Amino acid sequence: MSLSEGREKAKRSRIYAVTGVSLVVILLVTGVMARNGWFPRTDPMTGERTGWFGAKLAKNTPSSWNPFAMPSPTPTPQLSKEYIYAGSRLLAVEDAGANAAPPSDLAVWRPGTTNGVWYVLGGPGSAQTYYQWGAPTDIPVPGD
């Protein structure tokens, strides 16, 4: 082995040692910070947010990692639809945010048939439908 090869090998060994020590220090610091709750996080149970080193953050804070981030604009709520069914038949489509009362359904239980039948009359302009399920010994309870 020549002198220059020996120097290169020693130089590589120093680089590996410094890199290894740096990696160990980074892992130790990360472990200490994580164990003490010093990383930004959001508590999954309460929704409470903490920033770096456990500083409490407001619920509307845009970023727990970047304290200089601008607040996000409040999103505009979008109207959604509410689909009202009687069994498998669609009765009406209502705006969920509207104050309109959904159409009423009338239902009658006829236990005298073989297995019992529910007759359902939907809202205005809908046809009568019927559904059969259960056993002759089943008893409907209030609220069904």
Protein backbone atom coordinates (compact mmCIF):
# COMPACT_ATOMS: atom_id res chain seq x y z
CA MET A 1 0.00 0.00 0.00
CA SER A 2 1.39 3.39 -0.98
CA LEU A 3 1.50 6.48 1.20
CA SER A 4 -1.30 8.25 -0.75
CA GLU A 5 -3.56 5.20 -0.42
CA GLY A 6 -2.99 5.21 3.36
CA ARG A 7 -3.88 8.90 3.58
CA GLU A 8 -7.06 8.34 1.53
CA LYS A 9 -8.04 5.46 3.77
CA ALA A 10 -7.48 7.54 6.93
CA LYS A 11 -9.44 10.44 5.42
CA ARG A 12 -12.35 8.11 4.57
CA SER A 13 -12.28 6.67 8.10
CA ARG A 14 -12.53 10.19 9.61
CA ILE A 15 -15.44 11.05 7.30
CA TYR A 16 -17.24 7.84 8.29
CA ALA A 17 -16.63 8.53 11.99
CA VAL A 18 -17.89 12.13 11.79
CA THR A 19 -20.93 11.01 9.78
CA GLY A 20 -21.70 8.23 12.27
CA VAL A 21 -21.35 10.52 15.29
CA SER A 22 -23.53 13.16 13.60
CA LEU A 23 -26.21 10.59 12.86
CA VAL A 24 -26.21 9.35 16.47
CA VAL A 25 -26.49 12.93 17.79
CA ILE A 26 -29.37 13.71 15.40
CA LEU A 27 -31.22 10.55 16.46
CA LEU A 28 -30.69 11.29 20.17
CA VAL A 29 -31.91 14.89 19.84
CA THR A 30 -34.93 13.73 17.83
CA GLY A 31 -35.76 11.12 20.48
CA VAL A 32 -35.47 13.64 23.33
CA MET A 33 -37.68 16.15 21.49
CA ALA A 34 -40.30 13.52 20.67
CA ARG A 35 -40.35 12.11 24.21
CA ASN A 36 -40.88 15.56 25.75
CA GLY A 37 -43.62 16.58 23.29
CA TRP A 38 -41.52 19.32 21.68
CA PHE A 39 -42.58 18.53 18.10
CA PRO A 40 -45.66 20.21 16.61
CA ARG A 41 -48.68 17.92 16.89
CA THR A 42 -52.47 17.76 17.12
CA ASP A 43 -54.05 15.74 19.91
CA PRO A 44 -56.40 13.25 18.21
CA MET A 45 -58.87 13.20 21.12
CA THR A 46 -59.26 16.91 21.90
CA GLY A 47 -58.04 18.53 18.68
CA GLU A 48 -55.68 20.70 20.75
CA ARG A 49 -52.70 21.85 18.69
CA THR A 50 -49.18 22.46 19.96
CA GLY A 51 -46.28 24.03 18.09
CA TRP A 52 -42.54 23.68 18.51
CA PHE A 53 -41.41 22.95 22.10
CA GLY A 54 -45.00 22.49 23.32
CA ALA A 55 -46.27 26.03 22.65
CA LYS A 56 -50.09 26.09 22.58
CA LEU A 57 -51.60 27.07 19.21
CA ALA A 58 -55.03 28.44 18.37
CA LYS A 59 -57.43 26.08 16.58
CA ASN A 60 -57.44 28.34 13.50
CA THR A 61 -53.64 28.40 13.18
CA PRO A 62 -52.85 27.41 9.58
CA SER A 63 -49.65 25.48 10.20
CA SER A 64 -48.11 23.96 13.28
CA TRP A 65 -44.78 23.40 11.50
CA ASN A 66 -44.31 26.87 10.00
CA PRO A 67 -45.05 29.69 12.46
CA PHE A 68 -44.77 32.32 9.67
CA ALA A 69 -47.46 30.81 7.41
CA MET A 70 -50.36 33.09 6.57
CA PRO A 71 -53.81 32.04 7.82
CA SER A 72 -55.88 30.07 5.37
CA PRO A 73 -59.06 31.76 4.14
CA THR A 74 -62.30 30.39 5.52
CA PRO A 75 -63.75 28.04 2.92
CA THR A 76 -67.15 28.90 1.50
CA PRO A 77 -69.65 26.25 2.55
CA GLN A 78 -71.11 24.33 -0.35
CA LEU A 79 -74.75 23.28 -0.43
CA SER A 80 -75.26 19.56 -0.47
CA LYS A 81 -78.28 17.49 -1.30
CA GLU A 82 -80.28 15.24 0.98
CA TYR A 83 -81.84 12.23 -0.70
CA ILE A 84 -85.06 11.01 0.94
CA TYR A 85 -86.01 7.38 0.32
CA ALA A 86 -88.92 5.09 1.14
CA GLY A 87 -87.37 1.66 0.92
CA SER A 88 -85.42 1.63 -2.34
CA ARG A 89 -87.56 4.32 -3.98
CA LEU A 90 -86.37 7.95 -4.13
CA LEU A 91 -89.08 10.29 -2.82
CA ALA A 92 -87.41 13.70 -2.91
CA VAL A 93 -84.15 15.59 -3.17
CA GLU A 94 -83.85 18.48 -0.71
CA ASP A 95 -81.15 21.06 -0.04
CA ALA A 96 -79.59 20.06 3.27
CA GLY A 97 -79.30 23.72 4.36
CA ALA A 98 -82.92 24.56 3.52
CA ASN A 99 -85.64 24.72 6.15
CA ALA A 100 -88.15 22.71 4.12
CA ALA A 101 -89.79 19.83 5.95
CA PRO A 102 -89.25 16.48 4.23
CA PRO A 103 -92.37 14.82 2.86
CA SER A 104 -94.16 12.53 5.29
CA ASP A 105 -94.43 8.79 4.75
CA LEU A 106 -97.36 6.78 6.02
CA ALA A 107 -96.63 3.18 6.94
CA VAL A 108 -98.95 0.36 8.02
CA TRP A 109 -97.93 -3.04 9.43
CA ARG A 110 -100.14 -5.96 8.40
CA PRO A 111 -99.22 -8.96 10.59
CA GLY A 112 -102.09 -11.15 9.34
CA THR A 113 -100.28 -12.09 6.13
CA THR A 114 -97.84 -15.01 5.95
CA ASN A 115 -94.72 -13.16 7.12
CA GLY A 116 -95.99 -9.65 7.80
CA VAL A 117 -95.94 -6.78 5.34
CA TRP A 118 -95.23 -3.05 5.66
CA TYR A 119 -97.28 -0.90 3.29
CA VAL A 120 -95.62 2.48 2.69
CA LEU A 121 -97.26 5.50 1.09
CA GLY A 122 -94.68 8.15 0.26
CA GLY A 123 -95.08 11.90 0.02
CA PRO A 124 -97.39 13.77 -2.36
CA GLY A 125 -97.71 12.22 -5.81
CA SER A 126 -95.97 8.95 -4.96
CA ALA A 127 -97.34 5.45 -5.36
CA GLN A 128 -97.90 2.88 -2.66
CA THR A 129 -95.09 0.37 -2.14
CA TYR A 130 -94.85 -2.66 0.10
CA TYR A 131 -91.99 -4.56 1.71
CA GLN A 132 -92.12 -7.95 3.34
CA TRP A 133 -89.58 -9.18 5.85
CA GLY A 134 -89.36 -10.87 9.22
CA ALA A 135 -91.32 -13.79 10.64
CA PRO A 136 -94.99 -14.09 11.68
CA THR A 137 -93.95 -13.98 15.35
CA ASP A 138 -92.09 -10.64 15.01
CA ILE A 139 -93.62 -7.71 16.91
CA PRO A 140 -92.97 -4.13 15.71
CA VAL A 141 -91.75 -1.76 18.40
CA PRO A 142 -92.57 1.95 18.70
CA GLY A 143 -90.27 4.02 16.52
CA ASP A 144 -90.02 1.46 13.71
